[in-house]
């Protein structure tokens, strides 16, 4: 029986066909790009998928190039318009990324392959949302332009040894979490690992807003089902509480220029007892944390950041599309899915009885509880192109105190309204 992430509410009725424009194929090389760390669950699983691909495709060599997330985020449109495009690559999901590239005609329509190979039957409705895009590049319906072979969600990672050392119990409510952070601050410890120069800071703020939000709020913001007001109760609470947490010392002002990697290594090194971030860290923490640690969902919230994982996309100009489809198929196989689950990933098509690692079982169980209550709220940078950079720069201003919460929300509203499709 597959995990809940792979539960189906029924097969999609998809009429479109996959793109057959395969360019000049040599049939001997699969050019692959992704940006997962080698010791992450995805990195381990995909390395095994490469071996499996080469075993089942004698004479074909995989040319793998590891890229950085920011590198692909910034250069993909230019690269995919050139002869240097890979055959298959990992790309961020959402309207501002995969949606934009699909609208620009830079990606291959995978609808035919998704139905022929049964990928559509392996993905739950919540996970499937980011695979399909309308002609306007809006996720949730239309043709398939990407396939996720894992899911992801945000959670609180915490250092049990540091909590024990300071006599603090695991929080189960937001009040208990803030009380725990107050005690850490009193004892000279900055509780939250943070990166102001990348995604972690604005994900803290978005999660705070989500504690006051519901599905309709998320759909307005992410899917344009109504008007988004950044000065509403949820966004205002998120911005004001985040700014207050900086003032209280929960978040260091010195983290303004820190990268996500800096936040992760600070947690690994025992500097900060708490990191709120995604399941993509899980495998690395298993490998590198030298202390007792655990996770829990953000207390007091029905919703949290999460979705299907990043997507395998096939560039329009890829030279070996059939090989690309075969590789994607291998990553969706039970063998690779089970490996992904046991290494700390959230698989979409695994056999639950084959997941034996206790921490991995907890990871998947928490994801199941989120999907059962429709709790995946996607990510704040998705709705419009360029919004990621706006969120980073404006949240940095909240950390330094150079902008008020009201200024922050006004800047977000202006950036969002400038590019949001007309209702």
Protein backbone atom coordinates (compact mmCIF):
# COMPACT_ATOMS: atom_id res chain seq x y z
CA UNK A 1 0.00 0.00 0.00
CA UNK A 2 1.42 3.40 -0.95
CA UNK A 3 1.88 6.24 1.54
CA UNK A 4 -0.85 8.84 1.81
CA UNK A 5 1.19 11.18 -0.36
CA UNK A 6 0.42 8.81 -3.21
CA UNK A 7 -3.30 8.32 -2.50
CA UNK A 8 -5.54 8.92 -5.46
CA UNK A 9 -8.95 10.42 -5.72
CA UNK A 10 -9.27 9.06 -9.27
CA UNK A 11 -7.29 9.21 -12.47
CA UNK A 12 -7.25 12.45 -14.40
CA UNK A 13 -8.91 12.59 -17.77
CA UNK A 14 -6.20 14.17 -19.86
CA UNK A 15 -6.60 14.57 -23.57
CA UNK A 16 -3.36 16.25 -24.58
CA UNK A 17 -0.42 14.40 -26.03
CA UNK A 18 3.21 14.63 -25.03
CA UNK A 19 5.60 16.65 -27.14
CA UNK A 20 7.40 14.61 -29.75
CA UNK A 21 9.78 17.33 -30.89
CA UNK A 22 13.00 15.72 -29.71
CA UNK A 23 15.61 17.77 -31.53
CA UNK A 24 18.80 16.08 -32.76
CA UNK A 25 19.23 13.03 -30.55
CA UNK A 26 22.45 11.06 -30.28
CA UNK A 27 20.71 8.42 -28.17
CA UNK A 28 23.93 7.80 -26.24
CA UNK A 29 23.89 10.55 -23.61
CA UNK A 30 21.46 11.76 -20.98
CA UNK A 31 22.37 15.25 -19.78
CA UNK A 32 21.01 15.66 -16.23
CA UNK A 33 21.02 18.63 -13.87
CA UNK A 34 19.87 18.77 -10.27
CA UNK A 35 20.76 20.71 -7.13
CA UNK A 36 20.29 18.23 -4.27
CA UNK A 37 23.19 17.61 -1.86
CA UNK A 38 24.83 14.19 -2.35
CA UNK A 39 23.93 13.07 1.20
CA UNK A 40 20.33 14.32 1.05
CA UNK A 41 17.57 11.75 0.59
CA UNK A 42 16.99 12.94 -2.96
CA UNK A 43 20.69 13.05 -3.78
CA UNK A 44 21.16 9.46 -2.59
CA UNK A 45 18.04 8.19 -4.36
CA UNK A 46 18.85 9.91 -7.65
CA UNK A 47 22.44 8.64 -7.62
CA UNK A 48 20.97 5.14 -7.39
CA UNK A 49 18.49 6.02 -10.18
CA UNK A 50 21.43 7.01 -12.40
CA UNK A 51 23.02 3.60 -11.78
CA UNK A 52 19.73 1.88 -12.54
CA UNK A 53 19.30 3.92 -15.70
CA UNK A 54 22.76 3.03 -17.01
CA UNK A 55 22.20 -0.63 -16.12
CA UNK A 56 18.94 -0.73 -18.10
CA UNK A 57 20.29 1.39 -20.98
CA UNK A 58 23.55 -0.29 -22.10
CA UNK A 59 25.78 2.08 -24.03
CA UNK A 60 24.06 5.19 -22.68
CA UNK A 61 26.01 7.47 -20.33
CA UNK A 62 24.50 9.94 -17.86
CA UNK A 63 26.31 13.29 -17.84
CA UNK A 64 25.31 14.66 -14.45
CA UNK A 65 26.03 18.26 -13.49
CA UNK A 66 25.28 19.40 -9.94
CA UNK A 67 23.91 22.95 -9.93
CA UNK A 68 22.96 25.35 -7.14
CA UNK A 69 19.32 26.21 -6.44
CA UNK A 70 19.96 29.93 -6.87
CA UNK A 71 22.01 29.26 -10.02
CA UNK A 72 19.19 27.42 -11.77
CA UNK A 73 16.57 29.86 -10.42
CA UNK A 74 18.34 32.81 -12.02
CA UNK A 75 19.68 31.33 -15.28
CA UNK A 76 17.11 28.73 -16.39
CA UNK A 77 15.23 30.91 -18.95
CA UNK A 78 18.48 31.89 -20.65
CA UNK A 79 20.02 28.39 -20.59
CA UNK A 80 16.86 26.67 -21.82
CA UNK A 81 16.83 28.98 -24.81
CA UNK A 82 20.33 27.81 -25.81
CA UNK A 83 22.06 24.69 -27.13
CA UNK A 84 23.35 24.02 -23.60
CA UNK A 85 19.96 22.89 -22.29
CA UNK A 86 20.03 19.54 -20.45
CA UNK A 87 17.71 16.65 -21.36
CA UNK A 88 16.14 16.58 -17.91
CA UNK A 89 16.58 18.86 -14.94
CA UNK A 90 15.24 19.61 -11.50
CA UNK A 91 13.39 22.90 -11.35
CA UNK A 92 11.44 24.79 -8.73
CA UNK A 93 7.67 24.45 -8.92
CA UNK A 94 5.07 27.19 -8.95
CA UNK A 95 3.68 29.97 -11.12
CA UNK A 96 6.80 32.13 -10.99
CA UNK A 97 9.13 29.31 -12.06
CA UNK A 98 7.84 26.24 -13.90
CA UNK A 99 4.62 28.08 -14.73
CA UNK A 100 6.54 30.97 -16.26
CA UNK A 101 8.80 28.68 -18.32
CA UNK A 102 5.82 26.68 -19.59
CA UNK A 103 4.07 29.92 -20.61
CA UNK A 104 7.24 30.99 -22.44
CA UNK A 105 7.28 27.72 -24.39
CA UNK A 106 10.57 26.54 -22.91
CA UNK A 107 9.31 23.22 -21.48
CA UNK A 108 8.05 20.01 -23.04
CA UNK A 109 4.40 19.11 -22.47
CA UNK A 110 4.55 15.84 -20.48
CA UNK A 111 0.80 15.13 -20.45
CA UNK A 112 1.00 12.14 -22.78
CA UNK A 113 3.89 10.57 -20.88
CA UNK A 114 2.19 11.18 -17.51
CA UNK A 115 -0.84 9.18 -18.58
CA UNK A 116 1.00 6.52 -20.61
CA UNK A 117 3.49 5.76 -17.84
CA UNK A 118 0.98 6.12 -14.98
CA UNK A 119 2.69 9.01 -13.21
CA UNK A 120 -0.68 10.74 -12.85
CA UNK A 121 -1.98 7.77 -10.85
CA UNK A 122 0.87 7.96 -8.33
CA UNK A 123 0.34 11.58 -7.27
CA UNK A 124 -2.27 12.82 -4.80
CA UNK A 125 -4.33 15.91 -5.63
CA UNK A 126 -2.29 18.21 -3.35
CA UNK A 127 1.03 16.98 -4.75
CA UNK A 128 -0.24 17.05 -8.34
CA UNK A 129 -1.18 20.75 -8.14
CA UNK A 130 2.33 21.89 -9.05
CA UNK A 131 2.68 19.52 -12.03
CA UNK A 132 -0.02 21.10 -14.17
CA UNK A 133 -0.16 24.63 -15.61
CA UNK A 134 -2.71 26.54 -17.62
CA UNK A 135 -1.85 28.43 -20.81
CA UNK A 136 -1.25 31.46 -18.56
CA UNK A 137 1.25 29.51 -16.44
CA UNK A 138 -1.02 29.16 -13.41
CA UNK A 139 -0.63 25.91 -11.47
CA UNK A 140 -3.43 23.51 -10.63
CA UNK A 141 -4.92 22.69 -14.03
CA UNK A 142 -3.95 22.25 -17.66
CA UNK A 143 -1.09 20.31 -19.20
CA UNK A 144 1.66 18.52 -17.29
CA UNK A 145 5.03 20.26 -17.42
CA UNK A 146 6.79 18.65 -14.46
CA UNK A 147 6.85 15.48 -12.39
CA UNK A 148 7.68 15.45 -8.66
CA UNK A 149 8.91 12.12 -7.32
CA UNK A 150 8.91 13.27 -3.72
CA UNK A 151 6.90 15.61 -1.55
CA UNK A 152 8.09 18.16 0.97
CA UNK A 153 6.87 20.21 3.89
CA UNK A 154 8.24 22.52 6.56
CA UNK A 155 8.62 21.54 10.19
CA UNK A 156 10.35 22.54 13.38
CA UNK A 157 13.71 20.79 13.79
CA UNK A 158 14.92 20.99 17.38
CA UNK A 159 18.01 20.02 19.33
CA UNK A 160 16.76 17.76 22.12
CA UNK A 161 20.09 17.91 23.92
CA UNK A 162 20.00 21.72 24.10
CA UNK A 163 16.38 21.69 25.24
CA UNK A 164 17.32 19.19 27.96
CA UNK A 165 20.41 21.14 28.98
CA UNK A 166 18.29 24.26 29.55
CA UNK A 167 15.42 22.37 31.18
CA UNK A 168 12.91 23.10 28.43
CA UNK A 169 10.17 20.66 27.41
CA UNK A 170 9.16 20.06 23.77
CA UNK A 171 6.56 22.75 22.90
CA UNK A 172 3.12 21.60 21.84
CA UNK A 173 1.50 25.05 21.51
CA UNK A 174 2.68 28.39 20.12
CA UNK A 175 2.62 29.84 23.64
CA UNK A 176 4.92 27.04 24.83
CA UNK A 177 7.22 27.65 21.85
CA UNK A 178 7.51 31.36 22.64
CA UNK A 179 8.07 30.57 26.33
CA UNK A 180 10.85 28.17 25.34
CA UNK A 181 12.45 30.84 23.14
CA UNK A 182 12.21 33.39 25.98
CA UNK A 183 14.12 31.03 28.25
CA UNK A 184 16.82 30.43 25.64
CA UNK A 185 17.24 34.18 25.17
CA UNK A 186 17.45 34.68 28.96
CA UNK A 187 20.28 32.15 29.02
CA UNK A 188 22.21 33.78 26.18
CA UNK A 189 21.13 31.48 23.34
CA UNK A 190 19.57 32.73 20.10
CA UNK A 191 16.81 30.15 19.59
CA UNK A 192 16.11 30.34 15.85
CA UNK A 193 18.59 29.55 13.09
CA UNK A 194 17.87 31.99 10.27
CA UNK A 195 19.03 33.17 6.86
CA UNK A 196 18.01 36.67 5.83
CA UNK A 197 19.70 36.50 2.43
CA UNK A 198 17.68 33.49 1.28
CA UNK A 199 14.35 31.78 1.84
CA UNK A 200 14.36 30.84 5.53
CA UNK A 201 13.49 34.29 6.95
CA UNK A 202 10.41 34.88 4.81
CA UNK A 203 9.27 31.30 5.41
CA UNK A 204 9.18 32.00 9.15
CA UNK A 205 7.00 35.01 8.43
CA UNK A 206 4.72 33.12 6.04
CA UNK A 207 4.24 30.35 8.60
CA UNK A 208 3.24 32.91 11.21
CA UNK A 209 0.67 34.29 8.76
CA UNK A 210 -0.60 30.77 8.08
CA UNK A 211 -1.53 30.32 11.74
CA UNK A 212 -4.33 32.87 11.03
CA UNK A 213 -5.18 31.61 7.51
CA UNK A 214 -7.33 28.99 5.80
CA UNK A 215 -7.48 27.28 2.38
CA UNK A 216 -9.46 30.13 0.80
CA UNK A 217 -6.73 32.58 1.91
CA UNK A 218 -4.03 30.42 0.33
CA UNK A 219 -6.03 30.01 -2.88
CA UNK A 220 -6.48 33.77 -3.19
CA UNK A 221 -2.76 34.34 -2.76
CA UNK A 222 -1.37 31.41 -4.76
CA UNK A 223 -4.08 30.67 -7.35
CA UNK A 224 -5.62 34.14 -7.75
CA UNK A 225 -9.06 32.98 -6.59
CA UNK A 226 -10.01 36.42 -5.34
CA UNK A 227 -8.02 39.48 -4.28
CA UNK A 228 -5.10 39.21 -1.87
CA UNK A 229 -4.87 41.97 0.74
CA UNK A 230 -1.41 42.05 2.34
CA UNK A 231 -2.76 44.23 5.14
CA UNK A 232 -5.32 41.63 6.20
CA UNK A 233 -5.25 40.04 9.66
CA UNK A 234 -3.06 37.06 8.69
CA UNK A 235 -0.32 38.94 6.82
CA UNK A 236 -0.32 41.71 9.44
CA UNK A 237 0.08 39.18 12.24
CA UNK A 238 2.92 37.48 10.37
CA UNK A 239 4.87 40.68 9.73
CA UNK A 240 4.31 42.21 13.18
CA UNK A 241 5.12 38.99 15.02
CA UNK A 242 8.28 38.39 12.96
CA UNK A 243 9.49 41.94 13.68
CA UNK A 244 8.69 41.43 17.36
CA UNK A 245 10.64 38.16 17.42
CA UNK A 246 13.70 39.99 16.08
CA UNK A 247 13.36 42.62 18.83
CA UNK A 248 13.03 39.89 21.47
CA UNK A 249 16.21 38.20 20.27
CA UNK A 250 14.58 35.03 18.94
CA UNK A 251 16.17 35.88 15.57
CA UNK A 252 19.61 37.46 15.34
CA UNK A 253 19.98 40.75 13.50
CA UNK A 254 23.34 39.36 12.38
CA UNK A 255 21.47 36.79 10.25
CA UNK A 256 20.49 39.45 7.69
CA UNK A 257 23.17 38.40 5.20
CA UNK A 258 23.22 34.69 6.12
CA UNK A 259 22.45 32.06 3.47
CA UNK A 260 20.27 29.00 4.00
CA UNK A 261 23.43 26.90 4.23
CA UNK A 262 24.60 29.10 7.12
CA UNK A 263 21.35 28.47 8.99
CA UNK A 264 21.60 24.74 8.39
CA UNK A 265 25.21 24.50 9.56
CA UNK A 266 24.41 26.66 12.62
CA UNK A 267 21.78 24.09 13.59
CA UNK A 268 24.10 21.18 12.81
CA UNK A 269 26.83 22.84 14.88
CA UNK A 270 24.55 23.27 17.91
CA UNK A 271 24.60 27.06 17.79
CA UNK A 272 20.81 27.45 17.52
CA UNK A 273 18.41 24.93 19.09
CA UNK A 274 15.60 25.45 16.54
CA UNK A 275 15.36 25.60 12.77
CA UNK A 276 12.06 25.90 10.95
CA UNK A 277 12.63 24.65 7.43
CA UNK A 278 11.84 21.92 4.97
CA UNK A 279 12.10 18.16 4.81
CA UNK A 280 14.90 18.60 2.25
CA UNK A 281 17.26 18.98 5.26
CA UNK A 282 16.18 15.72 6.85
CA UNK A 283 18.65 13.31 5.26
CA UNK A 284 21.53 15.66 5.86
CA UNK A 285 20.64 16.07 9.53
CA UNK A 286 20.49 12.29 9.91
CA UNK A 287 24.00 12.11 8.48
CA UNK A 288 25.60 15.13 10.18
CA UNK A 289 23.87 15.97 13.49
CA UNK A 290 26.00 14.83 16.42
CA UNK A 291 23.22 15.30 18.97
CA UNK A 292 19.78 13.94 19.77
CA UNK A 293 17.19 15.80 17.70
CA UNK A 294 13.57 15.61 16.67
CA UNK A 295 10.84 17.35 14.69
CA UNK A 296 7.29 18.53 15.13
CA UNK A 297 4.78 20.41 13.02
CA UNK A 298 4.40 24.14 13.71
CA UNK A 299 2.18 24.29 16.79
CA UNK A 300 -1.22 25.92 16.60
CA UNK A 301 -1.52 25.84 12.83
CA UNK A 302 -3.64 23.71 10.54
CA UNK A 303 -1.47 24.69 7.59
CA UNK A 304 2.22 24.78 6.81
CA UNK A 305 4.52 25.34 3.87
CA UNK A 306 4.65 22.31 1.61
CA UNK A 307 3.80 20.75 -1.72
CA UNK A 308 4.96 18.18 -4.15
CA UNK A 309 8.72 18.32 -4.43
CA UNK A 310 10.70 20.14 -7.06
CA UNK A 311 9.94 18.95 -10.55
CA UNK A 312 11.68 16.94 -13.19
CA UNK A 313 11.18 19.05 -16.31
CA UNK A 314 12.23 18.30 -19.87
CA UNK A 315 13.38 21.40 -21.77
CA UNK A 316 11.66 22.02 -25.11
CA UNK A 317 15.04 21.84 -26.84
CA UNK A 318 16.23 18.65 -25.10
CA UNK A 319 18.01 16.34 -27.55
CA UNK A 320 17.17 13.02 -25.87
CA UNK A 321 13.60 13.28 -24.61
CA UNK A 322 12.81 9.56 -24.61
CA UNK A 323 15.82 8.93 -22.39
CA UNK A 324 14.64 11.75 -20.12
CA UNK A 325 11.21 10.12 -19.79
CA UNK A 326 12.84 6.77 -18.97
CA UNK A 327 14.94 8.38 -16.23
CA UNK A 328 11.92 10.07 -14.67
CA UNK A 329 10.14 6.72 -14.75
CA UNK A 330 12.97 5.08 -12.82
CA UNK A 331 12.81 7.75 -10.10
CA UNK A 332 9.10 6.94 -9.74
CA UNK A 333 9.77 3.20 -9.36
CA UNK A 334 9.08 1.45 -6.05
CA UNK A 335 12.78 0.61 -5.60
CA UNK A 336 13.89 4.25 -5.77
CA UNK A 337 10.83 5.48 -3.86
CA UNK A 338 11.53 3.09 -0.97
CA UNK A 339 15.18 4.15 -0.87
CA UNK A 340 14.09 7.80 -0.84
CA UNK A 341 11.79 7.11 2.12
CA UNK A 342 14.39 5.25 4.16
CA UNK A 343 16.96 8.01 3.59
CA UNK A 344 14.69 10.71 5.04
CA UNK A 345 12.70 11.87 2.03
CA UNK A 346 8.93 11.96 1.60
CA UNK A 347 8.19 9.53 -1.24
CA UNK A 348 5.08 9.72 -3.39
CA UNK A 349 4.90 6.05 -4.42
CA UNK A 350 6.63 3.94 -1.79
CA UNK A 351 5.56 0.72 -0.08
CA UNK A 352 5.03 1.78 3.56
CA UNK A 353 6.03 -1.66 4.84
CA UNK A 354 9.44 -1.12 3.23
CA UNK A 355 10.10 2.07 5.24
CA UNK A 356 11.95 0.76 8.28
CA UNK A 357 13.79 3.79 9.69
CA UNK A 358 11.89 5.14 12.77
CA UNK A 359 12.67 8.81 12.02
CA UNK A 360 11.63 8.33 8.40
CA UNK A 361 8.33 6.82 9.56
CA UNK A 362 7.69 9.94 11.70
CA UNK A 363 8.54 12.20 8.78
CA UNK A 364 6.04 10.42 6.52
CA UNK A 365 3.41 10.17 9.26
CA UNK A 366 3.49 13.94 9.84
CA UNK A 367 3.18 14.51 6.10
CA UNK A 368 0.19 12.17 6.00
CA UNK A 369 -1.52 14.19 8.74
CA UNK A 370 -0.98 17.39 6.75
CA UNK A 371 -2.40 15.97 3.52
CA UNK A 372 -5.40 14.50 5.34
CA UNK A 373 -6.40 17.95 6.57
CA UNK A 374 -5.49 19.68 3.29
CA UNK A 375 -2.72 21.50 5.11
CA UNK A 376 -0.14 22.09 2.34
CA UNK A 377 0.02 25.86 1.77
CA UNK A 378 2.75 25.98 -0.92
CA UNK A 379 5.45 28.70 -0.66
CA UNK A 380 5.25 32.49 -0.48
CA UNK A 381 7.55 33.22 -3.44
CA UNK A 382 5.46 31.29 -5.97
CA UNK A 383 2.63 33.57 -7.12
CA UNK A 384 4.40 36.04 -9.42
CA UNK A 385 7.79 36.26 -11.18
CA UNK A 386 10.48 38.00 -9.16
CA UNK A 387 8.56 37.73 -5.87
CA UNK A 388 11.33 35.64 -4.27
CA UNK A 389 13.80 38.53 -4.56
CA UNK A 390 11.21 40.98 -3.21
CA UNK A 391 10.52 38.76 -0.19
CA UNK A 392 14.23 38.39 0.55
CA UNK A 393 15.06 42.08 0.34
CA UNK A 394 11.96 43.30 2.19
CA UNK A 395 12.29 40.70 4.98
CA UNK A 396 15.92 41.79 5.42
CA UNK A 397 14.59 45.28 6.12
CA UNK A 398 12.35 43.88 8.86
CA UNK A 399 15.37 42.18 10.44
CA UNK A 400 17.48 45.36 10.40
CA UNK A 401 14.54 47.51 11.48
CA UNK A 402 14.87 49.77 8.45
CA UNK A 403 11.23 49.10 7.49
CA UNK A 404 8.11 48.78 9.61
CA UNK A 405 5.70 45.85 9.22
CA UNK A 406 3.28 48.22 7.47
CA UNK A 407 6.01 49.33 5.03
CA UNK A 408 6.87 45.69 4.43
CA UNK A 409 3.30 44.71 3.61
CA UNK A 410 2.86 47.71 1.32
CA UNK A 411 6.00 46.73 -0.63
CA UNK A 412 4.71 43.16 -1.01
CA UNK A 413 1.32 44.39 -2.17
CA UNK A 414 2.87 46.61 -4.85
CA UNK A 415 5.17 43.87 -6.16
CA UNK A 416 2.37 41.30 -6.19
CA UNK A 417 -0.25 43.54 -7.82
CA UNK A 418 2.20 44.57 -10.56
CA UNK A 419 2.43 41.04 -11.96
CA UNK A 420 -0.66 39.18 -10.77
CA UNK A 421 -2.96 38.21 -13.66
CA UNK A 422 -6.01 40.46 -13.99
CA UNK A 423 -9.07 38.95 -12.29
